[in-house]
N, C-alpha and C. Protein backbone atom coordinates (compact mmCIF):
# COMPACT_ATOMS: atom_id res chain seq x y z
N UNK A 1 8.20 5.86 -9.46
CA UNK A 1 7.32 4.79 -9.00
C UNK A 1 6.35 5.36 -7.97
N UNK A 2 5.30 4.63 -7.75
CA UNK A 2 4.23 5.06 -6.85
C UNK A 2 4.11 4.10 -5.67
N UNK A 3 3.60 4.60 -4.57
CA UNK A 3 3.54 3.85 -3.32
C UNK A 3 2.17 3.20 -3.11
N UNK A 4 2.18 1.96 -2.65
CA UNK A 4 0.95 1.24 -2.31
C UNK A 4 0.40 1.78 -0.99
N UNK A 5 -0.87 2.18 -0.96
CA UNK A 5 -1.44 2.69 0.28
C UNK A 5 -1.74 1.60 1.31
N UNK A 6 -1.63 0.35 0.91
CA UNK A 6 -1.89 -0.76 1.84
C UNK A 6 -0.61 -1.16 2.57
N UNK A 7 0.46 -1.43 1.80
CA UNK A 7 1.69 -1.96 2.42
C UNK A 7 2.88 -1.01 2.37
N UNK A 8 2.78 0.07 1.59
CA UNK A 8 3.87 1.03 1.51
C UNK A 8 4.91 0.72 0.45
N UNK A 9 4.73 -0.35 -0.32
CA UNK A 9 5.70 -0.69 -1.37
C UNK A 9 5.74 0.43 -2.40
N UNK A 10 6.92 0.88 -2.75
CA UNK A 10 7.06 2.02 -3.66
C UNK A 10 7.37 1.59 -5.09
N UNK A 11 6.82 0.46 -5.52
CA UNK A 11 7.09 -0.03 -6.86
C UNK A 11 5.89 -0.09 -7.77
N UNK A 12 4.80 0.60 -7.44
CA UNK A 12 3.65 0.59 -8.34
C UNK A 12 3.96 1.41 -9.58
N UNK A 13 3.51 0.94 -10.73
CA UNK A 13 3.75 1.67 -11.98
C UNK A 13 2.86 2.89 -12.10
N UNK A 14 1.66 2.81 -11.53
CA UNK A 14 0.70 3.91 -11.55
C UNK A 14 0.27 4.22 -10.12
N UNK A 15 -0.25 5.41 -9.87
CA UNK A 15 -0.84 5.65 -8.55
C UNK A 15 -2.02 4.68 -8.36
N UNK A 16 -2.27 4.25 -7.15
CA UNK A 16 -3.39 3.34 -6.88
C UNK A 16 -4.70 3.97 -7.35
N UNK A 17 -4.80 5.29 -7.20
CA UNK A 17 -5.98 6.04 -7.63
C UNK A 17 -5.56 7.30 -8.34
N UNK A 18 -6.31 7.67 -9.38
CA UNK A 18 -6.04 8.92 -10.08
C UNK A 18 -6.50 10.09 -9.22
N UNK A 19 -6.22 11.29 -9.67
CA UNK A 19 -6.64 12.48 -8.92
C UNK A 19 -8.16 12.59 -8.85
N UNK A 20 -8.87 11.90 -9.73
CA UNK A 20 -10.34 11.91 -9.69
C UNK A 20 -10.91 10.71 -8.93
N UNK A 21 -10.03 9.86 -8.39
CA UNK A 21 -10.47 8.73 -7.59
C UNK A 21 -10.64 7.43 -8.37
N UNK A 22 -10.30 7.42 -9.65
CA UNK A 22 -10.43 6.21 -10.46
C UNK A 22 -9.31 5.23 -10.10
N UNK A 23 -9.66 3.96 -9.78
CA UNK A 23 -8.62 2.99 -9.42
C UNK A 23 -7.81 2.55 -10.63
N UNK A 24 -6.58 2.16 -10.38
CA UNK A 24 -5.68 1.74 -11.46
C UNK A 24 -5.89 0.29 -11.87
N UNK A 25 -6.45 -0.53 -10.98
CA UNK A 25 -6.59 -1.98 -11.16
C UNK A 25 -5.24 -2.67 -11.25
N UNK A 26 -4.17 -1.98 -10.86
CA UNK A 26 -2.85 -2.59 -10.77
C UNK A 26 -2.82 -3.47 -9.52
N UNK A 27 -2.06 -4.54 -9.58
CA UNK A 27 -1.89 -5.43 -8.43
C UNK A 27 -0.53 -5.13 -7.82
N UNK A 28 -0.52 -4.86 -6.53
CA UNK A 28 0.73 -4.60 -5.82
C UNK A 28 1.53 -5.89 -5.71
N UNK A 29 2.76 -5.87 -6.19
CA UNK A 29 3.61 -7.06 -6.16
C UNK A 29 3.95 -7.47 -4.73
N UNK A 30 3.93 -6.53 -3.81
CA UNK A 30 4.30 -6.80 -2.43
C UNK A 30 3.15 -7.45 -1.65
N UNK A 31 2.00 -6.80 -1.60
CA UNK A 31 0.90 -7.32 -0.76
C UNK A 31 -0.21 -7.99 -1.55
N UNK A 32 -0.26 -7.79 -2.87
CA UNK A 32 -1.27 -8.44 -3.69
C UNK A 32 -2.58 -7.71 -3.83
N UNK A 33 -2.70 -6.51 -3.30
CA UNK A 33 -3.93 -5.75 -3.41
C UNK A 33 -4.13 -5.30 -4.86
N UNK A 34 -5.33 -5.53 -5.39
CA UNK A 34 -5.70 -5.00 -6.70
C UNK A 34 -6.60 -3.80 -6.46
N UNK A 35 -6.12 -2.62 -6.83
CA UNK A 35 -6.85 -1.38 -6.55
C UNK A 35 -8.06 -1.27 -7.47
N UNK A 36 -9.22 -1.15 -6.84
CA UNK A 36 -10.48 -1.11 -7.56
C UNK A 36 -11.22 -2.43 -7.44
N UNK A 37 -10.55 -3.45 -6.92
CA UNK A 37 -11.20 -4.75 -6.72
C UNK A 37 -11.14 -5.15 -5.25
N UNK A 38 -9.94 -5.49 -4.75
CA UNK A 38 -9.81 -5.95 -3.36
C UNK A 38 -10.25 -4.89 -2.37
N UNK A 39 -9.94 -3.65 -2.66
CA UNK A 39 -10.24 -2.58 -1.71
C UNK A 39 -11.67 -2.05 -1.84
N UNK A 40 -12.46 -2.62 -2.77
CA UNK A 40 -13.85 -2.19 -2.91
C UNK A 40 -14.68 -2.60 -1.70
N UNK A 41 -14.32 -3.73 -1.09
CA UNK A 41 -15.07 -4.21 0.08
C UNK A 41 -14.34 -3.92 1.39
N UNK A 42 -13.03 -3.88 1.34
CA UNK A 42 -12.22 -3.67 2.54
C UNK A 42 -11.32 -2.46 2.35
N UNK A 43 -11.21 -1.64 3.35
CA UNK A 43 -10.32 -0.49 3.27
C UNK A 43 -8.87 -0.90 3.41
N UNK A 44 -7.97 0.06 3.21
CA UNK A 44 -6.53 -0.20 3.26
C UNK A 44 -6.11 -0.77 4.61
N UNK A 45 -6.69 -0.28 5.69
CA UNK A 45 -6.28 -0.77 7.02
C UNK A 45 -6.62 -2.24 7.19
N UNK A 46 -7.81 -2.66 6.75
CA UNK A 46 -8.20 -4.07 6.85
C UNK A 46 -7.30 -4.94 6.00
N UNK A 47 -7.03 -4.51 4.78
CA UNK A 47 -6.14 -5.27 3.90
C UNK A 47 -4.73 -5.33 4.47
N UNK A 48 -4.27 -4.25 5.06
CA UNK A 48 -2.94 -4.21 5.68
C UNK A 48 -2.87 -5.21 6.83
N UNK A 49 -3.90 -5.23 7.67
CA UNK A 49 -3.93 -6.17 8.81
C UNK A 49 -3.90 -7.61 8.33
N UNK A 50 -4.63 -7.91 7.25
CA UNK A 50 -4.62 -9.28 6.71
C UNK A 50 -3.25 -9.65 6.17
N UNK A 51 -2.60 -8.70 5.48
CA UNK A 51 -1.27 -8.97 4.93
C UNK A 51 -0.26 -9.20 6.06
N UNK A 52 -0.35 -8.41 7.10
CA UNK A 52 0.55 -8.57 8.25
C UNK A 52 0.30 -9.93 8.91
N UNK A 53 -0.98 -10.29 9.08
CA UNK A 53 -1.32 -11.57 9.71
C UNK A 53 -0.80 -12.77 8.91
N UNK A 54 -0.68 -12.62 7.59
CA UNK A 54 -0.15 -13.68 6.73
C UNK A 54 1.37 -13.72 6.72
N UNK A 55 2.01 -12.81 7.45
CA UNK A 55 3.46 -12.82 7.55
C UNK A 55 4.17 -11.85 6.64
N UNK A 56 3.44 -10.92 6.03
CA UNK A 56 4.01 -9.88 5.16
C UNK A 56 4.88 -10.49 4.06
N UNK A 57 4.40 -11.55 3.44
CA UNK A 57 5.16 -12.22 2.39
C UNK A 57 5.02 -11.48 1.06
N UNK A 58 6.00 -11.67 0.19
CA UNK A 58 6.00 -11.10 -1.15
C UNK A 58 4.93 -11.82 -1.96
N UNK A 59 4.07 -11.09 -2.64
CA UNK A 59 2.92 -11.67 -3.33
C UNK A 59 3.27 -12.34 -4.66
N UNK A 60 4.03 -11.67 -5.51
CA UNK A 60 4.29 -12.19 -6.85
C UNK A 60 5.29 -13.33 -6.82
N UNK A 61 4.83 -14.53 -7.16
CA UNK A 61 5.74 -15.67 -7.19
C UNK A 61 6.58 -15.70 -8.47
N UNK A 62 6.09 -15.07 -9.54
CA UNK A 62 6.83 -15.06 -10.80
C UNK A 62 7.90 -13.98 -10.87
N UNK A 63 7.89 -13.09 -9.91
CA UNK A 63 8.89 -12.02 -9.86
C UNK A 63 9.25 -11.81 -8.40
N UNK A 64 10.46 -12.10 -8.05
CA UNK A 64 10.87 -11.98 -6.66
C UNK A 64 10.96 -10.53 -6.21
N UNK A 65 11.11 -10.34 -4.92
CA UNK A 65 11.21 -8.98 -4.38
C UNK A 65 12.51 -8.31 -4.81
N UNK A 66 12.53 -6.99 -4.79
CA UNK A 66 13.76 -6.28 -5.14
C UNK A 66 14.84 -6.53 -4.08
N UNK A 67 16.10 -6.30 -4.43
CA UNK A 67 17.17 -6.47 -3.45
C UNK A 67 16.89 -5.60 -2.22
N UNK A 68 17.19 -6.15 -1.08
CA UNK A 68 17.03 -5.45 0.20
C UNK A 68 15.58 -5.10 0.53
N UNK A 69 14.60 -5.81 -0.07
CA UNK A 69 13.19 -5.58 0.24
C UNK A 69 12.95 -5.86 1.71
N UNK A 70 12.29 -4.93 2.37
CA UNK A 70 12.06 -5.05 3.80
C UNK A 70 10.63 -4.59 4.10
N UNK A 71 9.68 -5.53 4.24
CA UNK A 71 8.29 -5.14 4.45
C UNK A 71 8.06 -4.36 5.75
N UNK A 72 8.81 -4.67 6.78
CA UNK A 72 8.65 -3.92 8.05
C UNK A 72 9.07 -2.47 7.87
N UNK A 73 10.14 -2.24 7.12
CA UNK A 73 10.60 -0.87 6.88
C UNK A 73 9.59 -0.09 6.04
N UNK A 74 9.04 -0.73 5.00
CA UNK A 74 8.09 -0.01 4.16
C UNK A 74 6.82 0.33 4.93
N UNK A 75 6.39 -0.54 5.84
CA UNK A 75 5.23 -0.23 6.69
C UNK A 75 5.53 0.92 7.64
N UNK A 76 6.74 0.91 8.20
CA UNK A 76 7.14 1.98 9.11
C UNK A 76 7.14 3.32 8.38
N UNK A 77 7.68 3.34 7.17
CA UNK A 77 7.69 4.58 6.37
C UNK A 77 6.28 5.03 6.03
N UNK A 78 5.40 4.08 5.70
CA UNK A 78 4.01 4.41 5.39
C UNK A 78 3.33 5.03 6.61
N UNK A 79 3.55 4.45 7.77
CA UNK A 79 2.96 4.98 9.01
C UNK A 79 3.53 6.35 9.34
N UNK A 80 4.82 6.56 9.12
CA UNK A 80 5.43 7.87 9.38
C UNK A 80 4.83 8.94 8.48
N UNK A 81 4.60 8.58 7.21
CA UNK A 81 4.01 9.53 6.27
C UNK A 81 2.57 9.87 6.66
N UNK A 82 1.83 8.88 7.15
CA UNK A 82 0.44 9.12 7.57
C UNK A 82 0.40 10.05 8.77
N UNK A 83 1.31 9.87 9.71
CA UNK A 83 1.36 10.74 10.89
C UNK A 83 1.72 12.16 10.46
N UNK A 84 2.69 12.29 9.56
CA UNK A 84 3.10 13.62 9.09
C UNK A 84 1.96 14.30 8.34
N UNK A 85 1.23 13.54 7.56
CA UNK A 85 0.11 14.10 6.80
C UNK A 85 -0.98 14.60 7.74
N UNK A 86 -1.27 13.85 8.78
CA UNK A 86 -2.28 14.29 9.76
C UNK A 86 -1.82 15.53 10.50
N UNK A 87 -0.52 15.62 10.76
CA UNK A 87 0.01 16.78 11.47
C UNK A 87 -0.08 18.05 10.63
N UNK A 88 0.01 17.88 9.30
CA UNK A 88 -0.07 19.04 8.40
C UNK A 88 -1.51 19.47 8.12
N UNK A 89 -2.46 18.58 8.34
CA UNK A 89 -3.87 18.90 8.07
C UNK A 89 -4.42 19.79 9.16
N UNK A 90 -5.24 20.77 8.78
CA UNK A 90 -5.84 21.65 9.80
C UNK A 90 -6.80 20.87 10.68
N UNK A 91 -6.80 21.20 11.92
CA UNK A 91 -7.71 20.56 12.87
C UNK A 91 -9.05 21.29 12.86
N UNK A 92 -10.11 20.53 12.83
CA UNK A 92 -11.45 21.11 12.91
C UNK A 92 -11.94 20.94 14.35
N UNK A 93 -12.27 22.02 14.96
CA UNK A 93 -12.72 21.97 16.36
C UNK A 93 -14.22 22.06 16.45
């Protein structure tokens, strides 16, 4: 499974973007972001802030969240990965 760059949910069927930058147009079941549509006007951080402000609720009403779904934990893991990625990137002075 693939991770949502907005909320950190690891249940996407495809990567949000291909290696060439093409969006999947998949809708994240957790936050509701449709890659290639919702994020065309707003970046991941703006969409994340909106999802958090709405209470981090599960988006898909026709399919409930997986057992032990924890939106706070998935956000924490997403933030940890972002920090680690920045630490591994070379600094330009």
